[in-house]
Amino acid sequence: MSATSAPRRAFAVTAALVLLALTGCGYGSQAKDKGAADIVAGARKTDGLDSVRIGYFGNLTHGTALVGNQKGFFQKELGATEARYAVFNAGPSEIEALNSGSIDIGWIGPSPAINGYVKSRGKNLRIIGGSASGGVKLVVNPDRVKSLEDVEGKRIATPQLGNTQDVAFLNWASEQGWTVDSQSGKGDVTVVRSDNKVTPDAFAAGSVDGAWVPEPTASKLVAEGGKVLLDEASLWPDEEFVITNIVVRQEFLEKHPKAVEAVLRASVETNRWIDAHPEEARAAANEQLAADSGKALPADVLDPAWESIRFTDDPLAATLDAQAEHAVAAGLLEKPDLKGVYDLTLLNKVLAAEGAPAFDDAGLGVG
C-alpha cells in the first residue's frame, strides 16, 4: 500500500479520539519572539519569507529547539526572516497546528509524527531530521517496588493512551509475559494514563506505584523519593532510540526549501554547540523553559534529566519503525505504511557541507 493510497484506520477508535484531543488551548502558548530584535542589520530574507513559524514542547527532550531559540541559532541562519515560536503541551495539538498551517516546522515525538503521517494519508508532514535520543525511565516507589518482577500487579502511570511512552511500557510488559488490555489499561499490571504535570502529585499521594515517563518528569519523581528501576535506553541496540524528531509541512518544504535548510543548519549547529558547551547549554535550555513557562527547573531535577538525553542529528529511523511495530503489537495501531515519512535530503546536504556522514532513512524515505 503506497503512502498516497487510503490507509487502513491508524488507531483503534478510542486511541484515535484520545490522540487527537487537544491538551492545550488553541495551538499552544506563544513563546516570546526575540527574532525581530536579533535580526542583524543588512541581513536578507530567506526564500523571501517574512517569518518561519517553529513549534516545540517545553520539555528537555526538545532541548535542541530550546537552546536554538535561546542562543539565537535559528535567527542567525534565517537572516532577515523572523524566527517565530509556539510552545505546545502535547503532540496532537502541534500536529493540528502543522496541518492547519499555523506552524511550518516542529520538534515532536515519534508517536504523534507517525499518527500525523498516517492520518493525513502521507500528505501533510515529513520527518526531516533527528533531535534527541533517550530521556525515558521507569521510576517507582522503592517501598512498594523493589525489583522488575515486583511491577506485576502494580499501578504504573504513562502520559497518554497510545503515546510514545505508553506504547513502550505496554511492549515491555508484554515481553515480561504479562497481559494488559491496551484500551482500559487493566491486566497483570494496571496502566494509569496521567498527564506529566499531574503524575508527580499522583506519585506523592500513592495513587500510582511508579511511572514510565520522559524527562524532566522522571527526575521530578526521583527528587520526591522515587527510584529509577529501568532506563528505556537499556532496551535498545547501542542504547539509542528516537524521542524527538524534526517535522515539516510538505507544502512548506516544497515551496521554501532554503528556509527549511536554514532551520536544519541551525539545528545541526545547535547540537554541535550543546556537545561543546554542556553546562552552558543546560543553563540555556532552562532559561528558555523559564521564559516559556514562567518557571525554571531546580538543579536536582535539571541536572540528572539533562544528563540522560543525547542530542543528535540522526533521526534513528530504524527505531521509529520498531516503535510503530510495538504499537501494532499492543493493538493501538493497525500496521501502517510509513514509506515516504522521511526526507533527509536537506539534512544530509547540510551534513555533507560540514564533511559529516549522511544518515539513513531505514528504507522509509521518499522516492
Protein backbone atom coordinates (compact mmCIF):
# COMPACT_ATOMS: atom_id res chain seq x y z
CA MET A 1 0.00 0.00 0.00
CA SER A 2 1.52 3.34 -1.03
CA ALA A 3 1.77 6.44 1.16
CA THR A 4 -0.76 8.23 -1.06
CA SER A 5 -3.39 5.48 -1.10
CA ALA A 6 -6.07 5.37 1.58
CA PRO A 7 -4.55 3.51 4.53
CA ARG A 8 -6.48 1.48 6.99
CA ARG A 9 -7.57 3.25 10.12
CA ALA A 10 -4.36 4.15 12.01
CA PHE A 11 -5.56 3.71 15.55
CA ALA A 12 -8.39 1.92 17.25
CA VAL A 13 -11.29 4.35 17.66
CA THR A 14 -10.72 5.07 21.32
CA ALA A 15 -7.00 5.63 20.86
CA ALA A 16 -7.61 7.89 17.89
CA LEU A 17 -10.01 10.07 19.86
CA VAL A 18 -7.53 10.42 22.69
CA LEU A 19 -4.56 11.08 20.45
CA LEU A 20 -6.44 13.75 18.53
CA ALA A 21 -7.75 15.51 21.63
CA LEU A 22 -6.06 18.84 22.25
CA THR A 23 -4.48 19.23 25.66
CA GLY A 24 -3.64 22.91 25.38
CA CYS A 25 -5.63 26.00 24.50
CA GLY A 26 -5.70 26.78 20.79
CA TYR A 27 -2.43 25.84 19.17
CA GLY A 28 -0.23 26.08 22.23
CA SER A 29 1.16 29.05 24.07
CA GLN A 30 3.18 31.53 22.08
CA ALA A 31 6.78 31.90 23.17
CA LYS A 32 8.23 35.36 23.31
CA ASP A 33 9.60 36.16 19.87
CA LYS A 34 13.12 37.50 20.22
CA GLY A 35 13.72 37.05 16.48
CA ALA A 36 12.85 40.55 15.32
CA ALA A 37 15.20 42.09 17.88
CA ASP A 38 18.00 39.69 16.91
CA ILE A 39 17.92 40.31 13.16
CA VAL A 40 21.26 41.67 12.03
CA ALA A 41 21.13 44.96 10.14
CA GLY A 42 21.52 44.40 6.41
CA ALA A 43 20.55 40.73 6.59
CA ARG A 44 18.46 39.32 3.73
CA LYS A 45 15.24 37.37 3.93
CA THR A 46 15.41 33.63 3.31
CA ASP A 47 13.21 32.50 0.41
CA GLY A 48 11.55 35.93 0.56
CA LEU A 49 9.72 34.96 3.78
CA ASP A 50 8.81 37.43 6.50
CA SER A 51 8.89 34.65 9.11
CA VAL A 52 9.24 30.93 9.74
CA ARG A 53 7.00 29.53 12.48
CA ILE A 54 8.68 26.90 14.67
CA GLY A 55 6.90 24.68 17.21
CA TYR A 56 8.28 22.69 20.13
CA PHE A 57 7.37 21.41 23.61
CA GLY A 58 8.54 22.90 26.89
CA ASN A 59 10.40 19.63 27.58
CA LEU A 60 14.11 18.94 27.93
CA THR A 61 13.78 16.28 25.22
CA HIS A 62 13.21 19.26 22.91
CA GLY A 63 16.48 20.77 24.09
CA THR A 64 17.73 21.50 20.56
CA ALA A 65 14.80 23.83 19.97
CA LEU A 66 15.07 25.37 23.44
CA VAL A 67 18.78 26.12 23.08
CA GLY A 68 18.49 27.10 19.42
CA ASN A 69 15.85 29.66 20.37
CA GLN A 70 17.63 30.96 23.46
CA LYS A 71 21.04 31.33 21.78
CA GLY A 72 19.67 32.72 18.52
CA PHE A 73 20.94 29.96 16.21
CA PHE A 74 17.70 29.78 14.21
CA GLN A 75 17.51 33.54 13.79
CA LYS A 76 21.14 33.71 12.69
CA GLU A 77 20.59 31.20 9.87
CA LEU A 78 17.28 32.72 8.75
CA GLY A 79 18.79 36.15 8.27
CA ALA A 80 16.09 38.85 7.98
CA THR A 81 13.33 36.23 8.06
CA GLU A 82 11.99 36.28 11.60
CA ALA A 83 12.06 33.06 13.63
CA ARG A 84 8.74 32.86 15.45
CA TYR A 85 8.00 30.25 18.10
CA ALA A 86 4.98 28.41 19.52
CA VAL A 87 5.20 26.15 22.58
CA PHE A 88 2.87 23.14 22.81
CA ASN A 89 1.72 20.86 25.61
CA ALA A 90 1.26 17.68 23.56
CA GLY A 91 1.77 16.13 20.15
CA PRO A 92 -1.83 16.18 18.88
CA SER A 93 -2.11 19.97 19.23
CA GLU A 94 1.20 20.50 17.45
CA ILE A 95 0.21 18.15 14.61
CA GLU A 96 -3.08 20.04 14.21
CA ALA A 97 -1.16 23.33 14.07
CA LEU A 98 1.17 21.87 11.44
CA ASN A 99 -1.73 20.52 9.38
CA SER A 100 -3.59 23.83 9.53
CA GLY A 101 -0.53 25.84 8.52
CA SER A 102 -0.27 27.63 11.88
CA ILE A 103 3.36 26.44 12.14
CA ASP A 104 5.81 25.43 9.44
CA ILE A 105 8.36 23.25 11.23
CA GLY A 106 8.19 21.44 14.57
CA TRP A 107 10.06 19.32 17.08
CA ILE A 108 7.88 16.35 18.05
CA GLY A 109 7.94 12.78 19.34
CA PRO A 110 7.74 9.63 17.20
CA SER A 111 4.17 8.51 18.01
CA PRO A 112 2.45 11.80 17.03
CA ALA A 113 4.69 12.00 13.95
CA ILE A 114 3.60 8.51 12.89
CA ASN A 115 -0.04 9.23 13.68
CA GLY A 116 0.04 12.57 11.84
CA TYR A 117 1.60 11.00 8.77
CA VAL A 118 -0.81 8.09 8.60
CA LYS A 119 -3.92 10.15 9.39
CA SER A 120 -3.10 12.52 6.51
CA ARG A 121 -2.51 9.58 4.16
CA GLY A 122 1.11 10.60 3.85
CA LYS A 123 0.30 14.09 2.56
CA ASN A 124 0.85 16.60 5.37
CA LEU A 125 4.23 16.09 7.00
CA ARG A 126 7.74 14.75 6.54
CA ILE A 127 10.35 13.90 9.14
CA ILE A 128 13.43 15.83 8.03
CA GLY A 129 15.87 15.25 10.87
CA GLY A 130 16.56 13.89 14.31
CA SER A 131 17.00 15.81 17.53
CA ALA A 132 17.20 13.64 20.65
CA SER A 133 17.56 10.11 21.95
CA GLY A 134 16.81 8.68 25.39
CA GLY A 135 15.50 10.50 28.43
CA VAL A 136 12.76 7.98 29.36
CA LYS A 137 12.73 5.98 32.61
CA LEU A 138 10.62 3.71 34.77
CA VAL A 139 10.62 5.34 38.21
CA VAL A 140 9.00 3.54 41.14
CA ASN A 141 8.21 3.88 44.81
CA PRO A 142 11.08 1.85 46.33
CA ASP A 143 8.96 0.83 49.33
CA ARG A 144 6.43 -0.86 47.06
CA VAL A 145 8.52 -1.98 44.09
CA LYS A 146 11.96 -3.42 44.76
CA SER A 147 12.61 -5.31 41.51
CA LEU A 148 11.38 -5.52 37.93
CA GLU A 149 9.35 -8.58 38.87
CA ASP A 150 7.55 -6.53 41.53
CA VAL A 151 6.00 -4.33 38.83
CA GLU A 152 3.44 -7.08 38.24
CA GLY A 153 0.20 -6.19 39.99
CA LYS A 154 1.16 -2.55 40.46
CA ARG A 155 -0.27 0.72 39.11
CA ILE A 156 2.09 2.37 36.61
CA ALA A 157 1.45 5.77 35.05
CA THR A 158 2.13 6.66 31.41
CA PRO A 159 1.49 10.11 29.89
CA GLN A 160 -1.33 9.33 27.45
CA LEU A 161 -3.13 6.43 25.79
CA GLY A 162 -1.13 5.46 22.70
CA ASN A 163 1.65 7.99 23.23
CA THR A 164 5.32 7.04 22.82
CA GLN A 165 5.89 6.06 26.46
CA ASP A 166 2.55 4.25 26.74
CA VAL A 167 3.47 2.07 23.77
CA ALA A 168 6.94 1.43 25.18
CA PHE A 169 5.60 0.33 28.56
CA LEU A 170 2.93 -1.92 27.04
CA ASN A 171 5.57 -3.54 24.84
CA TRP A 172 7.92 -4.08 27.80
CA ALA A 173 5.10 -5.53 29.93
CA SER A 174 4.25 -7.95 27.13
CA GLU A 175 7.88 -9.05 26.98
CA GLN A 176 7.67 -9.91 30.70
CA GLY A 177 4.80 -12.27 29.86
CA TRP A 178 2.13 -10.03 31.38
CA THR A 179 -1.24 -9.40 29.74
CA VAL A 180 -2.67 -5.87 29.70
CA ASP A 181 -5.71 -4.60 27.79
CA SER A 182 -4.29 -1.69 25.82
CA GLN A 183 -7.53 0.31 25.85
CA SER A 184 -8.56 0.04 29.50
CA GLY A 185 -5.06 -0.42 30.90
CA LYS A 186 -6.28 -3.29 33.06
CA GLY A 187 -4.48 -6.59 33.43
CA ASP A 188 -1.48 -8.11 35.17
CA VAL A 189 -0.27 -4.51 35.50
CA THR A 190 -2.65 -1.55 35.70
CA VAL A 191 -1.67 1.28 33.35
CA VAL A 192 -2.85 4.69 34.55
CA ARG A 193 -2.85 7.35 31.81
CA SER A 194 -1.84 10.54 33.58
CA ASP A 195 -0.64 13.90 32.27
CA ASN A 196 3.03 14.50 33.08
CA LYS A 197 2.05 17.62 35.03
CA VAL A 198 -0.22 15.55 37.29
CA THR A 199 1.90 12.41 37.69
CA PRO A 200 4.30 13.75 40.38
CA ASP A 201 1.33 14.59 42.62
CA ALA A 202 -0.26 11.19 41.96
CA PHE A 203 3.06 9.53 42.79
CA ALA A 204 3.47 11.53 46.01
CA ALA A 205 -0.11 10.70 47.04
CA GLY A 206 0.49 6.98 46.45
CA SER A 207 -2.23 6.59 43.83
CA VAL A 208 0.36 5.15 41.44
CA ASP A 209 3.30 2.92 42.31
CA GLY A 210 5.53 4.15 39.50
CA ALA A 211 5.62 5.79 36.09
CA TRP A 212 7.20 5.21 32.66
CA VAL A 213 7.84 8.85 31.74
CA PRO A 214 10.17 11.20 29.86
CA GLU A 215 12.41 13.86 31.35
CA PRO A 216 12.12 16.01 33.33
CA THR A 217 9.13 14.18 34.88
CA ALA A 218 11.30 11.15 35.69
CA SER A 219 13.80 13.27 37.62
CA LYS A 220 10.95 15.11 39.39
CA LEU A 221 9.77 11.72 40.71
CA VAL A 222 13.29 10.83 41.82
CA ALA A 223 13.55 14.16 43.64
CA GLU A 224 10.41 13.16 45.54
CA GLY A 225 11.91 9.86 46.68
CA GLY A 226 11.39 7.66 43.64
CA LYS A 227 13.97 5.20 42.32
CA VAL A 228 14.93 4.60 38.69
CA LEU A 229 14.17 0.93 38.14
CA LEU A 230 14.80 0.90 34.38
CA ASP A 231 16.21 3.30 31.79
CA GLU A 232 14.48 2.63 28.46
CA ALA A 233 17.76 3.21 26.63
CA SER A 234 19.00 -0.12 28.03
CA LEU A 235 16.34 -1.92 25.95
CA TRP A 236 17.59 -0.59 22.59
CA PRO A 237 20.63 -1.52 20.44
CA ASP A 238 23.52 0.83 21.28
CA GLU A 239 21.16 2.37 23.88
CA GLU A 240 19.73 4.71 21.24
CA PHE A 241 16.12 5.33 20.28
CA VAL A 242 14.37 8.37 18.85
CA ILE A 243 12.49 10.52 21.33
CA THR A 244 12.31 13.75 19.28
CA ASN A 245 12.16 14.33 15.50
CA ILE A 246 12.03 17.44 13.34
CA VAL A 247 8.97 17.56 11.06
CA VAL A 248 7.84 20.00 8.37
CA ARG A 249 4.69 20.68 6.37
CA GLN A 250 5.18 19.11 2.96
CA GLU A 251 3.83 22.20 1.20
CA PHE A 252 6.30 24.41 3.06
CA LEU A 253 9.15 22.05 2.21
CA GLU A 254 8.25 22.13 -1.47
CA LYS A 255 7.85 25.92 -1.66
CA HIS A 256 10.61 27.04 0.71
CA PRO A 257 13.48 24.53 0.73
CA LYS A 258 16.05 27.25 1.51
CA ALA A 259 14.18 28.18 4.68
CA VAL A 260 13.95 24.51 5.72
CA GLU A 261 17.66 24.08 5.02
CA ALA A 262 18.41 27.15 7.14
CA VAL A 263 16.49 25.71 10.11
CA LEU A 264 18.23 22.35 9.72
CA ARG A 265 21.61 24.06 9.53
CA ALA A 266 20.76 25.89 12.75
CA SER A 267 19.67 22.62 14.38
CA VAL A 268 22.96 20.94 13.45
CA GLU A 269 24.90 23.97 14.70
CA THR A 270 22.92 23.97 17.95
CA ASN A 271 23.64 20.30 18.59
CA ARG A 272 27.35 20.87 17.98
CA TRP A 273 27.27 23.76 20.45
CA ILE A 274 25.42 21.64 23.04
CA ASP A 275 28.11 18.96 22.77
CA ALA A 276 30.92 21.50 23.08
CA HIS A 277 29.33 23.53 25.90
CA PRO A 278 27.28 21.11 28.02
CA GLU A 279 26.95 23.27 31.12
CA GLU A 280 26.12 26.44 29.19
CA ALA A 281 23.66 24.51 27.03
CA ARG A 282 21.86 23.09 30.06
CA ALA A 283 21.58 26.58 31.54
CA ALA A 284 20.34 27.99 28.22
CA ALA A 285 17.64 25.30 27.95
CA ASN A 286 16.49 26.03 31.49
CA GLU A 287 16.47 29.77 30.82
CA GLN A 288 14.24 29.21 27.78
CA LEU A 289 11.96 26.92 29.80
CA ALA A 290 11.59 29.72 32.34
CA ALA A 291 10.84 32.23 29.58
CA ASP A 292 8.23 29.94 28.02
CA SER A 293 6.54 28.68 31.19
CA GLY A 294 7.47 31.20 33.87
CA LYS A 295 9.30 28.58 35.92
CA ALA A 296 12.82 27.16 35.71
CA LEU A 297 13.70 23.63 36.84
CA PRO A 298 15.60 23.19 40.12
CA ALA A 299 19.12 21.77 39.89
CA ASP A 300 18.17 18.41 41.46
CA VAL A 301 15.75 17.87 38.55
CA LEU A 302 17.56 19.67 35.72
CA ASP A 303 20.99 18.08 36.11
CA PRO A 304 20.09 14.35 36.03
CA ALA A 305 17.40 14.92 33.41
CA TRP A 306 19.79 16.69 31.05
CA GLU A 307 22.46 14.02 31.52
CA SER A 308 20.10 11.25 30.38
CA ILE A 309 19.33 12.84 27.00
CA ARG A 310 21.62 12.64 23.96
CA PHE A 311 21.15 15.28 21.31
CA THR A 312 21.73 14.03 17.80
CA ASP A 313 21.08 14.93 14.16
CA ASP A 314 20.45 11.25 13.43
CA PRO A 315 16.70 10.55 13.08
CA LEU A 316 17.34 6.95 14.20
CA ALA A 317 14.80 5.85 11.60
CA ALA A 318 15.03 2.13 12.34
CA THR A 319 13.91 2.75 15.92
CA LEU A 320 10.88 4.74 14.76
CA ASP A 321 9.88 1.78 12.61
CA ALA A 322 10.32 -0.50 15.63
CA GLN A 323 8.17 1.79 17.77
CA ALA A 324 5.42 1.57 15.16
CA GLU A 325 5.69 -2.24 15.28
CA HIS A 326 5.36 -2.12 19.09
CA ALA A 327 2.16 -0.08 18.76
CA VAL A 328 0.78 -2.62 16.29
CA ALA A 329 1.62 -5.48 18.67
CA ALA A 330 -0.09 -3.64 21.52
CA GLY A 331 -3.27 -3.29 19.48
CA LEU A 332 -3.08 0.52 19.35
CA LEU A 333 -2.10 0.82 15.71
CA GLU A 334 -3.04 -1.04 12.55
CA LYS A 335 0.04 -1.80 10.52
CA PRO A 336 0.93 1.48 8.81
CA ASP A 337 2.62 2.22 5.52
CA LEU A 338 5.43 4.58 6.54
CA LYS A 339 7.14 4.67 3.15
CA GLY A 340 7.86 8.33 2.45
CA VAL A 341 7.65 9.55 6.05
CA TYR A 342 11.31 10.67 5.84
CA ASP A 343 13.01 13.16 3.55
CA LEU A 344 16.60 13.55 4.73
CA THR A 345 17.83 15.23 1.56
CA LEU A 346 18.39 18.66 3.08
CA LEU A 347 19.77 17.32 6.36
CA ASN A 348 22.34 15.23 4.51
CA LYS A 349 23.19 18.24 2.32
CA VAL A 350 23.91 20.28 5.47
CA LEU A 351 26.00 17.45 6.94
CA ALA A 352 27.94 16.97 3.69
CA ALA A 353 28.88 20.67 3.72
CA GLU A 354 30.45 20.05 7.13
CA GLY A 355 32.23 16.91 5.98
CA ALA A 356 29.97 14.77 8.17
CA PRO A 357 28.48 11.42 7.08
CA ALA A 358 24.90 11.12 5.85
CA PHE A 359 22.13 9.48 7.87
CA ASP A 360 19.93 6.60 6.72
CA ASP A 361 16.13 6.60 6.49
CA ALA A 362 15.78 2.81 7.04
CA GLY A 363 14.04 2.45 3.69
CA LEU A 364 11.25 4.84 4.70
CA GLY A 365 12.32 7.78 2.58
CA VAL A 366 10.58 9.48 -0.33
CA GLY A 367 11.14 8.31 -3.88
